[in-house]
Each structure stands twice: as structure tokens, then as C-alpha cells.
């Protein structure tokens, strides 16, 4: 038989009163690394959307920045961690304020 932790025992004792244990977030939901990855993907999608709205190709932007093609593609895909300077350069190459890429 499995041993219950103290918090589980307390909940079991209160079960007949109708109270429920606090809901737990999955580790993926509360993990700072996972949250950072979601944010990087959101920003990457936003960069791609703004670039496409302005009718620019990836090549035109990464050559204007300047940066490596693979790194720029990783930024748009949310797989890279661009610096603020890189985001500023991308915004400048597209012709928008940096806040438009964040938003």
C-alpha cells in the first residue's frame, strides 16, 4: 500500500465535507522554460506576420539585419533567443517600431 503524504492525508480527512484539493498546474504549464518557449514562439510568429504584411521575404530581412539565414529562420520559428538588439534590427529592416514585433 502506498504511503500518503501529509497534504493528501489532510484532504482525505476533509473529503466527507465536500472540500477539494487545490488544483495543481502541470509542470509544463508552470515551468519558466516552457513559458519562455511559448513567448519566443509568439514573438517569432509575430515577426513573420508583420514581415508578410509588409510584403518582405525572409532573405530581404536577414540580409538587411545582417544575420545568418538559419538563425533568422530559427527566430521566426521560435527556436532562437534573439537579443534586444537583434529584435531592434529586425524591426528596423521591416520598417516598424520594435513594439509591433512584441505585440
C-alpha atoms as a PDB file:
ATOM      1  CA  UNK A   1       0.000   0.000   0.000  1.00  0.00           C
ATOM      2  CA  UNK A   2       1.231   3.458  -0.883  1.00  0.00           C
ATOM      3  CA  UNK A   3       2.026   5.902   1.901  1.00  0.00           C
ATOM      4  CA  UNK A   4       0.112   9.172   1.691  1.00  0.00           C
ATOM      5  CA  UNK A   5       1.804  12.488   2.081  1.00  0.00           C
ATOM      6  CA  UNK A   6       0.668  14.796   4.841  1.00  0.00           C
ATOM      7  CA  UNK A   7      -1.294  17.054   2.462  1.00  0.00           C
ATOM      8  CA  UNK A   8      -3.036  14.019   0.959  1.00  0.00           C
ATOM      9  CA  UNK A   9      -3.946  12.741   4.415  1.00  0.00           C
ATOM     10  CA  UNK A  10      -5.416  16.114   5.327  1.00  0.00           C
ATOM     11  CA  UNK A  11      -7.501  16.133   2.184  1.00  0.00           C
ATOM     12  CA  UNK A  12      -8.715  12.582   2.771  1.00  0.00           C
ATOM     13  CA  UNK A  13      -9.834  13.594   6.245  1.00  0.00           C
ATOM     14  CA  UNK A  14     -11.759  16.548   4.772  1.00  0.00           C
ATOM     15  CA  UNK A  15     -13.232  14.540   1.861  1.00  0.00           C
ATOM     16  CA  UNK A  16     -16.523  13.963   3.629  1.00  0.00           C
ATOM     17  CA  UNK A  17     -17.027  17.746   3.986  1.00  0.00           C
ATOM     18  CA  UNK A  18     -17.020  18.229   0.210  1.00  0.00           C
ATOM     19  CA  UNK A  19     -13.785  20.201   0.010  1.00  0.00           C
ATOM     20  CA  UNK A  20     -11.413  19.520  -2.858  1.00  0.00           C
ATOM     21  CA  UNK A  21      -7.634  19.559  -3.008  1.00  0.00           C
ATOM     22  CA  UNK A  22      -6.108  22.599  -4.689  1.00  0.00           C
ATOM     23  CA  UNK A  23      -5.736  22.185  -8.428  1.00  0.00           C
ATOM     24  CA  UNK A  24      -2.169  21.705  -9.497  1.00  0.00           C
ATOM     25  CA  UNK A  25      -0.715  23.067 -12.658  1.00  0.00           C
ATOM     26  CA  UNK A  26       1.172  20.646 -14.810  1.00  0.00           C
ATOM     27  CA  UNK A  27       4.916  21.152 -14.773  1.00  0.00           C
ATOM     28  CA  UNK A  28       4.763  22.255 -18.430  1.00  0.00           C
ATOM     29  CA  UNK A  29       2.279  24.991 -17.548  1.00  0.00           C
ATOM     30  CA  UNK A  30       4.229  26.470 -14.680  1.00  0.00           C
ATOM     31  CA  UNK A  31       7.761  25.891 -15.907  1.00  0.00           C
ATOM     32  CA  UNK A  32       9.633  29.139 -16.668  1.00  0.00           C
ATOM     33  CA  UNK A  33      11.422  27.381 -19.525  1.00  0.00           C
ATOM     34  CA  UNK A  34       8.134  26.319 -21.103  1.00  0.00           C
ATOM     35  CA  UNK A  35       6.704  29.797 -20.649  1.00  0.00           C
ATOM     36  CA  UNK A  36       9.799  31.286 -22.273  1.00  0.00           C
ATOM     37  CA  UNK A  37       9.460  28.901 -25.232  1.00  0.00           C
ATOM     38  CA  UNK A  38       5.814  29.857 -25.726  1.00  0.00           C
ATOM     39  CA  UNK A  39       6.768  33.539 -25.669  1.00  0.00           C
ATOM     40  CA  UNK A  40       9.622  33.002 -28.163  1.00  0.00           C
ATOM     41  CA  UNK A  41       7.198  31.208 -30.492  1.00  0.00           C
ATOM     42  CA  UNK A  42       4.642  34.005 -30.147  1.00  0.00           C
ATOM     43  CA  UNK A  43       7.231  36.659 -30.983  1.00  0.00           C
ATOM     44  CA  UNK A  44       8.530  34.590 -33.906  1.00  0.00           C
ATOM     45  CA  UNK A  45       5.016  34.258 -35.336  1.00  0.00           C
ATOM     46  CA  UNK A  46       4.505  37.984 -34.878  1.00  0.00           C
ATOM     47  CA  UNK A  47       7.752  38.779 -36.731  1.00  0.00           C
ATOM     48  CA  UNK A  48       6.690  36.504 -39.598  1.00  0.00           C
ATOM     49  CA  UNK A  49       3.195  38.044 -39.738  1.00  0.00           C
ATOM     50  CA  UNK A  50       4.485  41.628 -39.763  1.00  0.00           C
ATOM     51  CA  UNK A  51       7.121  40.772 -42.387  1.00  0.00           C
ATOM     52  CA  UNK A  52       4.492  39.173 -44.619  1.00  0.00           C
ATOM     53  CA  UNK A  53       2.113  42.126 -44.139  1.00  0.00           C
ATOM     54  CA  UNK A  54       4.869  44.371 -45.482  1.00  0.00           C
ATOM     55  CA  UNK A  55       5.442  42.042 -48.431  1.00  0.00           C
ATOM     56  CA  UNK A  56       9.044  41.224 -47.497  1.00  0.00           C
ATOM     57  CA  UNK A  57      10.880  37.952 -47.913  1.00  0.00           C
ATOM     58  CA  UNK A  58      12.982  36.349 -45.199  1.00  0.00           C
ATOM     59  CA  UNK A  59      16.029  36.883 -47.386  1.00  0.00           C
ATOM     60  CA  UNK A  60      15.472  40.612 -47.684  1.00  0.00           C
ATOM     61  CA  UNK A  61      15.129  40.944 -43.910  1.00  0.00           C
ATOM     62  CA  UNK A  62      18.080  38.785 -42.847  1.00  0.00           C
ATOM     63  CA  UNK A  63      20.351  40.489 -45.382  1.00  0.00           C
ATOM     64  CA  UNK A  64      19.299  43.922 -44.087  1.00  0.00           C
ATOM     65  CA  UNK A  65      19.809  42.987 -40.426  1.00  0.00           C
ATOM     66  CA  UNK A  66      22.536  41.392 -41.222  1.00  0.00           C
ATOM     67  CA  UNK A  67      22.330  37.890 -39.818  1.00  0.00           C
ATOM     68  CA  UNK A  68      22.686  34.275 -40.807  1.00  0.00           C
ATOM     69  CA  UNK A  69      19.753  32.808 -42.764  1.00  0.00           C
ATOM     70  CA  UNK A  70      19.400  29.788 -40.448  1.00  0.00           C
ATOM     71  CA  UNK A  71      19.424  31.973 -37.333  1.00  0.00           C
ATOM     72  CA  UNK A  72      16.737  34.264 -38.776  1.00  0.00           C
ATOM     73  CA  UNK A  73      14.591  31.235 -39.640  1.00  0.00           C
ATOM     74  CA  UNK A  74      15.071  29.975 -36.071  1.00  0.00           C
ATOM     75  CA  UNK A  75      13.933  33.365 -34.721  1.00  0.00           C
ATOM     76  CA  UNK A  76      10.738  33.239 -36.794  1.00  0.00           C
ATOM     77  CA  UNK A  77      10.147  29.622 -35.751  1.00  0.00           C
ATOM     78  CA  UNK A  78      10.605  30.492 -32.062  1.00  0.00           C
ATOM     79  CA  UNK A  79      13.636  28.223 -31.699  1.00  0.00           C
ATOM     80  CA  UNK A  80      16.158  31.028 -31.133  1.00  0.00           C
ATOM     81  CA  UNK A  81      16.611  33.589 -28.389  1.00  0.00           C
ATOM     82  CA  UNK A  82      17.252  36.889 -30.207  1.00  0.00           C
ATOM     83  CA  UNK A  83      18.801  39.747 -28.300  1.00  0.00           C
ATOM     84  CA  UNK A  84      17.012  43.050 -27.957  1.00  0.00           C
ATOM     85  CA  UNK A  85      19.496  44.491 -30.449  1.00  0.00           C
ATOM     86  CA  UNK A  86      18.596  41.781 -32.969  1.00  0.00           C
ATOM     87  CA  UNK A  87      14.874  42.417 -32.487  1.00  0.00           C
ATOM     88  CA  UNK A  88      15.502  46.138 -32.980  1.00  0.00           C
ATOM     89  CA  UNK A  89      17.450  45.445 -36.183  1.00  0.00           C
ATOM     90  CA  UNK A  90      14.703  43.159 -37.496  1.00  0.00           C
ATOM     91  CA  UNK A  91      12.064  45.792 -36.741  1.00  0.00           C
ATOM     92  CA  UNK A  92      14.167  48.419 -38.480  1.00  0.00           C
ATOM     93  CA  UNK A  93      14.674  46.164 -41.541  1.00  0.00           C
ATOM     94  CA  UNK A  94      10.912  45.615 -41.779  1.00  0.00           C
ATOM     95  CA  UNK A  95      10.217  49.304 -41.166  1.00  0.00           C
ATOM     96  CA  UNK A  96       8.162  49.099 -37.981  1.00  0.00           C
ATOM     97  CA  UNK A  97       8.706  50.071 -34.340  1.00  0.00           C
ATOM     98  CA  UNK A  98      10.001  47.227 -32.161  1.00  0.00           C
ATOM     99  CA  UNK A  99       6.758  47.233 -30.165  1.00  0.00           C
ATOM    100  CA  UNK A 100       4.959  45.987 -33.301  1.00  0.00           C
ATOM    101  CA  UNK A 101       7.048  42.809 -33.147  1.00  0.00           C
ATOM    102  CA  UNK A 102       6.244  42.241 -29.499  1.00  0.00           C
ATOM    103  CA  UNK A 103       2.625  42.760 -29.747  1.00  0.00           C
END
